[in-house]
Amino acid sequence: MSATARKTAPLPEDIRARKGGVPIVSLTAYTTPMAQAMDGVCDFVLVGDSVGMVLHGLPSTLGVTMEMMILHGRAVARGLKASMMVVDMPFGSYEESPEQAFRNAARIMAETGAGAVKLEGGGSMAATIAFLVARGVPVMAHVGLTPQSINTLGGYKVQGRGDAGTALLADAQAVAKAGAFAVVLEKVPQSLADRTTAEVAIPTIGIGASAGCDGQILVVDDMLGLFTAFKAKFVKRYAHLGDDARAAIAAYAEEVKARRFPAPEHVFGDASPEKKP
């Protein structure tokens, strides 16, 4: 592909314009090689605060820091040319006030090159979202199961069943009105996800929601079978790379102990090979 024909990364308004069109594709990424594999395949790549659990062994996302998000954001940015990067705002970096949220969002965007930030919360975060958008920070919202709130939600439970669906729909409408360009719907009943997608003006990105959402996202280590501590119902394993890695490591260990590795083709002789004229 020539330089003039090279695909460029979409902007937040391009994602917003996909409402009701071809489904939006997204995955999380935390490293340069994984971002390179997704580049141009995913419409946007999310540097998720799930990095705390997936790569750092934390029990939840609550221990993730700004420094961690910026470090991984920079790594992912190095691997992207044709996909937009969105970076999660970690717990405690935006809830105190719109001013706090702007300072930290501006830092994330300036230090990573992100195209947008994502934050959790519905109506309670609407004023903050509006504050950020008015100051040039594109925001992706996140309602339903919000992992940063698991201590108040009582764990990783389905959200929006029964009468609670009205409040969740109102949350999605509130973030759209506040200026978010898209909203993640996590772990909500399919019927509610479909209704929300139909009634909210911005794209819905489902994770444990419905195929009828405007797009989908998964944690890449879940769908590749790299993270195996647990498997949510909404995860489909497209590969089992964790099993492959464990088998490869065991084979390596066996060959080292048997002195079959390194083999002759992996070591160097005393003399340099003669150069042919």
C-alpha atoms as a PDB file:
ATOM      1  CA  MET A   1       0.000   0.000   0.000  1.00  0.00           C
ATOM      2  CA  SER A   2       1.430   3.413  -0.923  1.00  0.00           C
ATOM      3  CA  ALA A   3       1.929   6.171   1.592  1.00  0.00           C
ATOM      4  CA  THR A   4      -0.853   8.184  -0.051  1.00  0.00           C
ATOM      5  CA  ALA A   5      -3.291   5.243   0.223  1.00  0.00           C
ATOM      6  CA  ARG A   6      -2.392   4.287   3.774  1.00  0.00           C
ATOM      7  CA  LYS A   7      -5.377   4.061   6.083  1.00  0.00           C
ATOM      8  CA  THR A   8      -5.500   6.750   8.751  1.00  0.00           C
ATOM      9  CA  ALA A   9      -6.832   6.328  12.253  1.00  0.00           C
ATOM     10  CA  PRO A  10     -10.462   7.318  12.787  1.00  0.00           C
ATOM     11  CA  LEU A  11     -11.321  10.266  14.989  1.00  0.00           C
ATOM     12  CA  PRO A  12     -13.967  10.270  17.738  1.00  0.00           C
ATOM     13  CA  GLU A  13     -16.454  11.887  15.363  1.00  0.00           C
ATOM     14  CA  ASP A  14     -15.837   9.077  12.872  1.00  0.00           C
ATOM     15  CA  ILE A  15     -16.713   6.518  15.548  1.00  0.00           C
ATOM     16  CA  ARG A  16     -19.818   8.498  16.461  1.00  0.00           C
ATOM     17  CA  ALA A  17     -20.864   8.581  12.801  1.00  0.00           C
ATOM     18  CA  ARG A  18     -20.882   4.766  12.739  1.00  0.00           C
ATOM     19  CA  LYS A  19     -24.109   4.713  14.757  1.00  0.00           C
ATOM     20  CA  GLY A  20     -26.420   2.159  13.169  1.00  0.00           C
ATOM     21  CA  GLY A  21     -23.868   1.248  10.502  1.00  0.00           C
ATOM     22  CA  VAL A  22     -21.170  -1.404  10.123  1.00  0.00           C
ATOM     23  CA  PRO A  23     -20.406  -2.687  13.648  1.00  0.00           C
ATOM     24  CA  ILE A  24     -17.445  -1.062  15.395  1.00  0.00           C
ATOM     25  CA  VAL A  25     -14.595  -3.435  16.271  1.00  0.00           C
ATOM     26  CA  SER A  26     -12.489  -2.964  19.388  1.00  0.00           C
ATOM     27  CA  LEU A  27     -10.166  -4.845  21.724  1.00  0.00           C
ATOM     28  CA  THR A  28      -7.986  -3.899  24.651  1.00  0.00           C
ATOM     29  CA  ALA A  29      -4.214  -3.712  24.279  1.00  0.00           C
ATOM     30  CA  TYR A  30      -1.405  -2.980  26.724  1.00  0.00           C
ATOM     31  CA  THR A  31       1.770  -3.599  24.683  1.00  0.00           C
ATOM     32  CA  THR A  32       3.305  -2.560  21.379  1.00  0.00           C
ATOM     33  CA  PRO A  33       3.289  -6.042  19.738  1.00  0.00           C
ATOM     34  CA  MET A  34      -0.373  -6.594  20.556  1.00  0.00           C
ATOM     35  CA  ALA A  35      -1.257  -3.126  19.269  1.00  0.00           C
ATOM     36  CA  GLN A  36       0.580  -3.876  16.023  1.00  0.00           C
ATOM     37  CA  ALA A  37      -1.524  -7.027  15.585  1.00  0.00           C
ATOM     38  CA  MET A  38      -4.723  -4.989  16.004  1.00  0.00           C
ATOM     39  CA  ASP A  39      -3.720  -1.950  13.975  1.00  0.00           C
ATOM     40  CA  GLY A  40      -6.123  -1.340  11.126  1.00  0.00           C
ATOM     41  CA  VAL A  41      -8.248  -4.336  12.133  1.00  0.00           C
ATOM     42  CA  CYS A  42      -9.818  -2.647  15.163  1.00  0.00           C
ATOM     43  CA  ASP A  43     -11.511   0.718  14.711  1.00  0.00           C
ATOM     44  CA  PHE A  44     -10.273   1.737  18.136  1.00  0.00           C
ATOM     45  CA  VAL A  45      -7.967   0.081  20.635  1.00  0.00           C
ATOM     46  CA  LEU A  46      -8.637   0.571  24.330  1.00  0.00           C
ATOM     47  CA  VAL A  47      -5.782   0.745  26.800  1.00  0.00           C
ATOM     48  CA  GLY A  48      -7.961  -0.631  29.564  1.00  0.00           C
ATOM     49  CA  ASP A  49      -7.409  -0.433  33.285  1.00  0.00           C
ATOM     50  CA  SER A  50      -7.939  -4.205  33.099  1.00  0.00           C
ATOM     51  CA  VAL A  51      -4.160  -4.122  32.630  1.00  0.00           C
ATOM     52  CA  GLY A  52      -3.951  -4.212  36.414  1.00  0.00           C
ATOM     53  CA  MET A  53      -5.492  -7.670  36.562  1.00  0.00           C
ATOM     54  CA  VAL A  54      -4.248  -9.027  33.241  1.00  0.00           C
ATOM     55  CA  LEU A  55      -0.587  -8.001  33.349  1.00  0.00           C
ATOM     56  CA  HIS A  56       0.120  -6.867  36.900  1.00  0.00           C
ATOM     57  CA  GLY A  57      -1.679  -9.548  38.900  1.00  0.00           C
ATOM     58  CA  LEU A  58      -3.884  -7.124  40.843  1.00  0.00           C
ATOM     59  CA  PRO A  59      -7.158  -8.459  42.291  1.00  0.00           C
ATOM     60  CA  SER A  60      -9.202  -5.673  40.658  1.00  0.00           C
ATOM     61  CA  THR A  61      -8.767  -2.482  38.647  1.00  0.00           C
ATOM     62  CA  LEU A  62      -8.788  -0.302  41.755  1.00  0.00           C
ATOM     63  CA  GLY A  63      -5.012  -0.355  42.225  1.00  0.00           C
ATOM     64  CA  VAL A  64      -4.224   0.910  38.738  1.00  0.00           C
ATOM     65  CA  THR A  65      -2.441   4.274  38.685  1.00  0.00           C
ATOM     66  CA  MET A  66      -2.088   7.152  36.248  1.00  0.00           C
ATOM     67  CA  GLU A  67       1.542   6.197  35.759  1.00  0.00           C
ATOM     68  CA  MET A  68       0.552   2.650  34.737  1.00  0.00           C
ATOM     69  CA  MET A  69      -2.015   3.908  32.242  1.00  0.00           C
ATOM     70  CA  ILE A  70       0.438   6.372  30.716  1.00  0.00           C
ATOM     71  CA  LEU A  71       3.202   3.747  30.504  1.00  0.00           C
ATOM     72  CA  HIS A  72       0.973   1.264  28.700  1.00  0.00           C
ATOM     73  CA  GLY A  73      -0.651   4.004  26.620  1.00  0.00           C
ATOM     74  CA  ARG A  74       2.736   5.002  25.256  1.00  0.00           C
ATOM     75  CA  ALA A  75       3.542   1.375  24.465  1.00  0.00           C
ATOM     76  CA  VAL A  76       0.273   0.866  22.582  1.00  0.00           C
ATOM     77  CA  ALA A  77       0.650   4.153  20.705  1.00  0.00           C
ATOM     78  CA  ARG A  78       3.944   2.927  19.236  1.00  0.00           C
ATOM     79  CA  GLY A  79       2.078   0.059  17.591  1.00  0.00           C
ATOM     80  CA  LEU A  80      -0.819   2.004  16.081  1.00  0.00           C
ATOM     81  CA  LYS A  81      -1.123   3.930  12.850  1.00  0.00           C
ATOM     82  CA  ALA A  82      -4.561   3.057  11.485  1.00  0.00           C
ATOM     83  CA  SER A  83      -6.599   2.552  14.700  1.00  0.00           C
ATOM     84  CA  MET A  84      -7.624   5.171  17.230  1.00  0.00           C
ATOM     85  CA  MET A  85      -6.367   4.745  20.784  1.00  0.00           C
ATOM     86  CA  VAL A  86      -8.625   5.323  23.792  1.00  0.00           C
ATOM     87  CA  VAL A  87      -7.141   5.265  27.301  1.00  0.00           C
ATOM     88  CA  ASP A  88      -9.044   4.433  30.487  1.00  0.00           C
ATOM     89  CA  MET A  89      -8.951   6.967  33.296  1.00  0.00           C
ATOM     90  CA  PRO A  90      -8.053   4.987  36.428  1.00  0.00           C
ATOM     91  CA  PHE A  91     -10.010   4.928  39.672  1.00  0.00           C
ATOM     92  CA  GLY A  92      -9.551   8.117  41.690  1.00  0.00           C
ATOM     93  CA  SER A  93      -8.339  10.216  38.770  1.00  0.00           C
ATOM     94  CA  TYR A  94     -11.638  11.890  37.806  1.00  0.00           C
ATOM     95  CA  GLU A  95     -14.369  11.357  40.413  1.00  0.00           C
ATOM     96  CA  GLU A  96     -13.459  14.226  42.761  1.00  0.00           C
ATOM     97  CA  SER A  97     -14.349  17.082  40.425  1.00  0.00           C
ATOM     98  CA  PRO A  98     -14.530  18.072  36.757  1.00  0.00           C
ATOM     99  CA  GLU A  99     -11.342  20.080  37.277  1.00  0.00           C
ATOM    100  CA  GLN A 100      -9.474  17.028  38.587  1.00  0.00           C
ATOM    101  CA  ALA A 101     -10.782  15.004  35.669  1.00  0.00           C
ATOM    102  CA  PHE A 102      -9.600  17.592  33.162  1.00  0.00           C
ATOM    103  CA  ARG A 103      -6.094  17.798  34.627  1.00  0.00           C
ATOM    104  CA  ASN A 104      -5.663  14.045  34.473  1.00  0.00           C
ATOM    105  CA  ALA A 105      -7.362  13.576  31.100  1.00  0.00           C
ATOM    106  CA  ALA A 106      -5.204  16.324  29.600  1.00  0.00           C
ATOM    107  CA  ARG A 107      -2.102  14.634  31.000  1.00  0.00           C
ATOM    108  CA  ILE A 108      -3.104  11.252  29.567  1.00  0.00           C
ATOM    109  CA  MET A 109      -3.743  12.701  26.114  1.00  0.00           C
ATOM    110  CA  ALA A 110      -0.590  14.831  26.094  1.00  0.00           C
ATOM    111  CA  GLU A 111       1.703  12.042  27.311  1.00  0.00           C
ATOM    112  CA  THR A 112       0.274   9.141  25.276  1.00  0.00           C
ATOM    113  CA  GLY A 113      -1.175  10.698  22.140  1.00  0.00           C
ATOM    114  CA  ALA A 114      -4.574   9.143  22.866  1.00  0.00           C
ATOM    115  CA  GLY A 115      -7.485  10.134  20.675  1.00  0.00           C
ATOM    116  CA  ALA A 116      -9.890  10.001  23.619  1.00  0.00           C
ATOM    117  CA  VAL A 117     -10.278   8.914  27.226  1.00  0.00           C
ATOM    118  CA  LYS A 118     -12.854   6.597  28.761  1.00  0.00           C
ATOM    119  CA  LEU A 119     -14.411   6.983  32.180  1.00  0.00           C
ATOM    120  CA  GLU A 120     -17.009   5.022  34.108  1.00  0.00           C
ATOM    121  CA  GLY A 121     -20.356   6.313  35.322  1.00  0.00           C
ATOM    122  CA  GLY A 122     -23.670   7.550  33.999  1.00  0.00           C
ATOM    123  CA  GLY A 123     -25.717  10.496  35.186  1.00  0.00           C
ATOM    124  CA  SER A 124     -23.358  11.170  38.080  1.00  0.00           C
ATOM    125  CA  MET A 125     -20.540  11.780  35.590  1.00  0.00           C
ATOM    126  CA  ALA A 126     -22.542  13.796  33.057  1.00  0.00           C
ATOM    127  CA  ALA A 127     -21.317  17.176  34.309  1.00  0.00           C
ATOM    128  CA  THR A 128     -17.725  15.944  34.229  1.00  0.00           C
ATOM    129  CA  ILE A 129     -18.113  14.612  30.687  1.00  0.00           C
ATOM    130  CA  ALA A 130     -19.580  17.924  29.533  1.00  0.00           C
ATOM    131  CA  PHE A 131     -16.722  19.806  31.232  1.00  0.00           C
ATOM    132  CA  LEU A 132     -14.111  17.679  29.459  1.00  0.00           C
ATOM    133  CA  VAL A 133     -15.767  17.803  26.037  1.00  0.00           C
ATOM    134  CA  ALA A 134     -16.122  21.585  26.247  1.00  0.00           C
ATOM    135  CA  ARG A 135     -12.358  21.761  26.789  1.00  0.00           C
ATOM    136  CA  GLY A 136     -11.379  19.554  23.893  1.00  0.00           C
ATOM    137  CA  VAL A 137     -11.202  16.129  25.513  1.00  0.00           C
ATOM    138  CA  PRO A 138     -13.234  13.476  23.643  1.00  0.00           C
ATOM    139  CA  VAL A 139     -14.903  11.091  26.094  1.00  0.00           C
ATOM    140  CA  MET A 140     -16.133   7.533  25.759  1.00  0.00           C
ATOM    141  CA  ALA A 141     -18.534   6.669  28.580  1.00  0.00           C
ATOM    142  CA  HIS A 142     -19.078   3.323  30.343  1.00  0.00           C
ATOM    143  CA  VAL A 143     -22.288   2.230  32.081  1.00  0.00           C
ATOM    144  CA  GLY A 144     -23.763  -1.003  33.381  1.00  0.00           C
ATOM    145  CA  LEU A 145     -21.176  -3.059  35.214  1.00  0.00           C
ATOM    146  CA  THR A 146     -18.479  -0.529  36.052  1.00  0.00           C
ATOM    147  CA  PRO A 147     -15.524  -2.499  37.477  1.00  0.00           C
ATOM    148  CA  GLN A 148     -14.173   0.473  39.431  1.00  0.00           C
ATOM    149  CA  SER A 149     -17.412   0.396  41.468  1.00  0.00           C
ATOM    150  CA  ILE A 150     -17.480  -3.314  42.337  1.00  0.00           C
ATOM    151  CA  ASN A 151     -17.351  -2.574  46.057  1.00  0.00           C
ATOM    152  CA  THR A 152     -20.631  -0.650  45.850  1.00  0.00           C
ATOM    153  CA  LEU A 153     -22.186  -2.889  43.197  1.00  0.00           C
ATOM    154  CA  GLY A 154     -21.575  -5.995  45.292  1.00  0.00           C
ATOM    155  CA  GLY A 155     -19.324  -7.742  42.790  1.00  0.00           C
ATOM    156  CA  TYR A 156     -19.317  -8.506  39.074  1.00  0.00           C
ATOM    157  CA  LYS A 157     -23.084  -8.891  38.700  1.00  0.00           C
ATOM    158  CA  VAL A 158     -25.372  -8.322  35.739  1.00  0.00           C
ATOM    159  CA  GLN A 159     -26.713  -4.756  35.888  1.00  0.00           C
ATOM    160  CA  GLY A 160     -30.054  -3.335  34.763  1.00  0.00           C
ATOM    161  CA  ARG A 161     -32.415  -6.223  35.354  1.00  0.00           C
ATOM    162  CA  GLY A 162     -36.036  -5.390  36.159  1.00  0.00           C
ATOM    163  CA  ASP A 163     -36.745  -1.859  37.323  1.00  0.00           C
ATOM    164  CA  ALA A 164     -33.016  -1.054  37.353  1.00  0.00           C
ATOM    165  CA  GLY A 165     -33.110  -1.042  33.548  1.00  0.00           C
ATOM    166  CA  THR A 166     -34.850   2.346  33.554  1.00  0.00           C
ATOM    167  CA  ALA A 167     -32.010   3.910  35.529  1.00  0.00           C
ATOM    168  CA  LEU A 168     -29.366   2.337  33.299  1.00  0.00           C
ATOM    169  CA  LEU A 169     -31.071   3.629  30.156  1.00  0.00           C
ATOM    170  CA  ALA A 170     -31.247   7.069  31.769  1.00  0.00           C
ATOM    171  CA  ASP A 171     -27.502   6.854  32.483  1.00  0.00           C
ATOM    172  CA  ALA A 172     -26.756   6.114  28.833  1.00  0.00           C
ATOM    173  CA  GLN A 173     -28.974   8.979  27.694  1.00  0.00           C
ATOM    174  CA  ALA A 174     -27.299  11.327  30.197  1.00  0.00           C
ATOM    175  CA  VAL A 175     -23.762  10.641  28.960  1.00  0.00           C
ATOM    176  CA  ALA A 176     -24.892  11.024  25.351  1.00  0.00           C
ATOM    177  CA  LYS A 177     -26.501  14.375  26.134  1.00  0.00           C
ATOM    178  CA  ALA A 178     -23.342  15.441  27.962  1.00  0.00           C
ATOM    179  CA  GLY A 179     -21.293  14.928  24.801  1.00  0.00           C
ATOM    180  CA  ALA A 180     -19.765  11.440  24.995  1.00  0.00           C
ATOM    181  CA  PHE A 181     -19.120  10.118  21.482  1.00  0.00           C
ATOM    182  CA  ALA A 182     -19.833   6.480  22.420  1.00  0.00           C
ATOM    183  CA  VAL A 183     -20.833   4.440  25.455  1.00  0.00           C
ATOM    184  CA  VAL A 184     -19.717   1.001  26.596  1.00  0.00           C
ATOM    185  CA  LEU A 185     -22.538  -1.234  27.890  1.00  0.00           C
ATOM    186  CA  GLU A 186     -21.080  -3.921  30.138  1.00  0.00           C
ATOM    187  CA  LYS A 187     -22.872  -6.993  31.462  1.00  0.00           C
ATOM    188  CA  VAL A 188     -26.466  -5.910  30.897  1.00  0.00           C
ATOM    189  CA  PRO A 189     -29.463  -7.963  29.693  1.00  0.00           C
ATOM    190  CA  GLN A 190     -29.680  -8.332  25.932  1.00  0.00           C
ATOM    191  CA  SER A 191     -33.129  -6.735  25.725  1.00  0.00           C
ATOM    192  CA  LEU A 192     -31.941  -3.679  27.649  1.00  0.00           C
ATOM    193  CA  ALA A 193     -28.840  -3.376  25.467  1.00  0.00           C
ATOM    194  CA  ASP A 194     -31.021  -3.505  22.345  1.00  0.00           C
ATOM    195  CA  ARG A 195     -33.404  -0.886  23.708  1.00  0.00           C
ATOM    196  CA  THR A 196     -30.533   1.371  24.752  1.00  0.00           C
ATOM    197  CA  THR A 197     -28.922   1.022  21.330  1.00  0.00           C
ATOM    198  CA  ALA A 198     -32.211   1.974  19.685  1.00  0.00           C
ATOM    199  CA  GLU A 199     -32.930   4.962  21.930  1.00  0.00           C
ATOM    200  CA  VAL A 200     -29.501   6.510  22.528  1.00  0.00           C
ATOM    201  CA  ALA A 201     -28.050   8.767  19.851  1.00  0.00           C
ATOM    202  CA  ILE A 202     -24.424   7.624  20.184  1.00  0.00           C
ATOM    203  CA  PRO A 203     -22.881   4.219  19.370  1.00  0.00           C
ATOM    204  CA  THR A 204     -23.140   1.529  22.026  1.00  0.00           C
ATOM    205  CA  ILE A 205     -20.123  -0.743  22.467  1.00  0.00           C
ATOM    206  CA  GLY A 206     -21.159  -4.043  23.992  1.00  0.00           C
ATOM    207  CA  ILE A 207     -19.266  -6.336  26.319  1.00  0.00           C
ATOM    208  CA  GLY A 208     -21.611  -8.922  27.688  1.00  0.00           C
ATOM    209  CA  ALA A 209     -24.553  -7.048  26.190  1.00  0.00           C
ATOM    210  CA  SER A 210     -25.982  -7.823  22.725  1.00  0.00           C
ATOM    211  CA  ALA A 211     -24.929  -8.499  19.143  1.00  0.00           C
ATOM    212  CA  GLY A 212     -27.328  -5.676  18.336  1.00  0.00           C
ATOM    213  CA  CYS A 213     -25.007  -3.080  19.858  1.00  0.00           C
ATOM    214  CA  ASP A 214     -23.250  -0.708  17.473  1.00  0.00           C
ATOM    215  CA  GLY A 215     -19.915  -2.362  18.270  1.00  0.00           C
ATOM    216  CA  GLN A 216     -18.160  -4.882  20.477  1.00  0.00           C
ATOM    217  CA  ILE A 217     -15.128  -4.979  22.746  1.00  0.00           C
ATOM    218  CA  LEU A 218     -13.336  -7.746  24.633  1.00  0.00           C
ATOM    219  CA  VAL A 219     -10.200  -7.951  26.737  1.00  0.00           C
ATOM    220  CA  VAL A 220      -7.694  -9.371  24.272  1.00  0.00           C
ATOM    221  CA  ASP A 221      -6.026 -11.658  26.817  1.00  0.00           C
ATOM    222  CA  ASP A 222      -9.444 -13.186  27.515  1.00  0.00           C
ATOM    223  CA  MET A 223     -10.313 -13.870  23.880  1.00  0.00           C
ATOM    224  CA  LEU A 224      -6.827 -15.247  23.141  1.00  0.00           C
ATOM    225  CA  GLY A 225      -6.845 -17.521  26.174  1.00  0.00           C
ATOM    226  CA  LEU A 226      -3.820 -15.832  27.740  1.00  0.00           C
ATOM    227  CA  PHE A 227      -5.654 -14.777  30.916  1.00  0.00           C
ATOM    228  CA  THR A 228      -7.119 -17.907  32.481  1.00  0.00           C
ATOM    229  CA  ALA A 229      -7.675 -17.000  36.148  1.00  0.00           C
ATOM    230  CA  PHE A 230     -11.387 -16.902  35.329  1.00  0.00           C
ATOM    231  CA  LYS A 231     -13.626 -16.698  32.244  1.00  0.00           C
ATOM    232  CA  ALA A 232     -16.696 -14.506  32.103  1.00  0.00           C
ATOM    233  CA  LYS A 233     -19.786 -15.887  30.334  1.00  0.00           C
ATOM    234  CA  PHE A 234     -19.545 -13.208  27.654  1.00  0.00           C
ATOM    235  CA  VAL A 235     -15.997 -14.171  26.641  1.00  0.00           C
ATOM    236  CA  LYS A 236     -15.441 -16.325  23.573  1.00  0.00           C
ATOM    237  CA  ARG A 237     -12.008 -17.946  23.338  1.00  0.00           C
ATOM    238  CA  TYR A 238     -10.752 -17.455  19.775  1.00  0.00           C
ATOM    239  CA  ALA A 239      -7.446 -19.124  20.683  1.00  0.00           C
ATOM    240  CA  HIS A 240      -5.810 -20.904  23.605  1.00  0.00           C
ATOM    241  CA  LEU A 241      -2.425 -19.224  23.645  1.00  0.00           C
ATOM    242  CA  GLY A 242      -1.990 -19.706  27.374  1.00  0.00           C
ATOM    243  CA  ASP A 243      -2.046 -23.481  26.883  1.00  0.00           C
ATOM    244  CA  ASP A 244       0.341 -23.155  23.936  1.00  0.00           C
ATOM    245  CA  ALA A 245       2.741 -21.036  25.995  1.00  0.00           C
ATOM    246  CA  ARG A 246       2.762 -23.476  28.916  1.00  0.00           C
ATOM    247  CA  ALA A 247       3.418 -26.391  26.543  1.00  0.00           C
ATOM    248  CA  ALA A 248       6.247 -24.511  24.812  1.00  0.00           C
ATOM    249  CA  ILE A 249       7.868 -23.571  28.130  1.00  0.00           C
ATOM    250  CA  ALA A 250       7.684 -27.168  29.324  1.00  0.00           C
ATOM    251  CA  ALA A 251       9.267 -28.378  26.058  1.00  0.00           C
ATOM    252  CA  TYR A 252      12.054 -25.825  26.402  1.00  0.00           C
ATOM    253  CA  ALA A 253      12.733 -26.861  29.980  1.00  0.00           C
ATOM    254  CA  GLU A 254      12.873 -30.525  28.983  1.00  0.00           C
ATOM    255  CA  GLU A 255      15.361 -29.848  26.172  1.00  0.00           C
ATOM    256  CA  VAL A 256      17.594 -27.720  28.391  1.00  0.00           C
ATOM    257  CA  LYS A 257      17.744 -30.448  31.054  1.00  0.00           C
ATOM    258  CA  ALA A 258      18.475 -33.089  28.386  1.00  0.00           C
ATOM    259  CA  ARG A 259      21.125 -30.821  26.789  1.00  0.00           C
ATOM    260  CA  ARG A 260      19.294 -30.918  23.465  1.00  0.00           C
ATOM    261  CA  PHE A 261      19.124 -27.132  23.466  1.00  0.00           C
ATOM    262  CA  PRO A 262      21.075 -25.289  22.313  1.00  0.00           C
ATOM    263  CA  ALA A 263      21.721 -27.531  19.297  1.00  0.00           C
ATOM    264  CA  PRO A 264      24.670 -27.045  16.900  1.00  0.00           C
ATOM    265  CA  GLU A 265      22.682 -24.634  14.739  1.00  0.00           C
ATOM    266  CA  HIS A 266      22.157 -22.341  17.738  1.00  0.00           C
ATOM    267  CA  VAL A 267      25.843 -21.865  18.725  1.00  0.00           C
ATOM    268  CA  PHE A 268      28.900 -20.233  17.146  1.00  0.00           C
ATOM    269  CA  GLY A 269      32.176 -21.763  15.978  1.00  0.00           C
ATOM    270  CA  ASP A 270      35.655 -20.475  16.826  1.00  0.00           C
ATOM    271  CA  ALA A 271      36.463 -19.325  13.282  1.00  0.00           C
ATOM    272  CA  SER A 272      34.507 -16.829  11.232  1.00  0.00           C
ATOM    273  CA  PRO A 273      33.215 -18.228   7.929  1.00  0.00           C
ATOM    274  CA  GLU A 274      35.327 -17.232   4.928  1.00  0.00           C
ATOM    275  CA  LYS A 275      33.805 -14.584   2.732  1.00  0.00           C
ATOM    276  CA  LYS A 276      33.213 -15.642  -0.829  1.00  0.00           C
ATOM    277  CA  PRO A 277      34.849 -13.439  -3.476  1.00  0.00           C
END
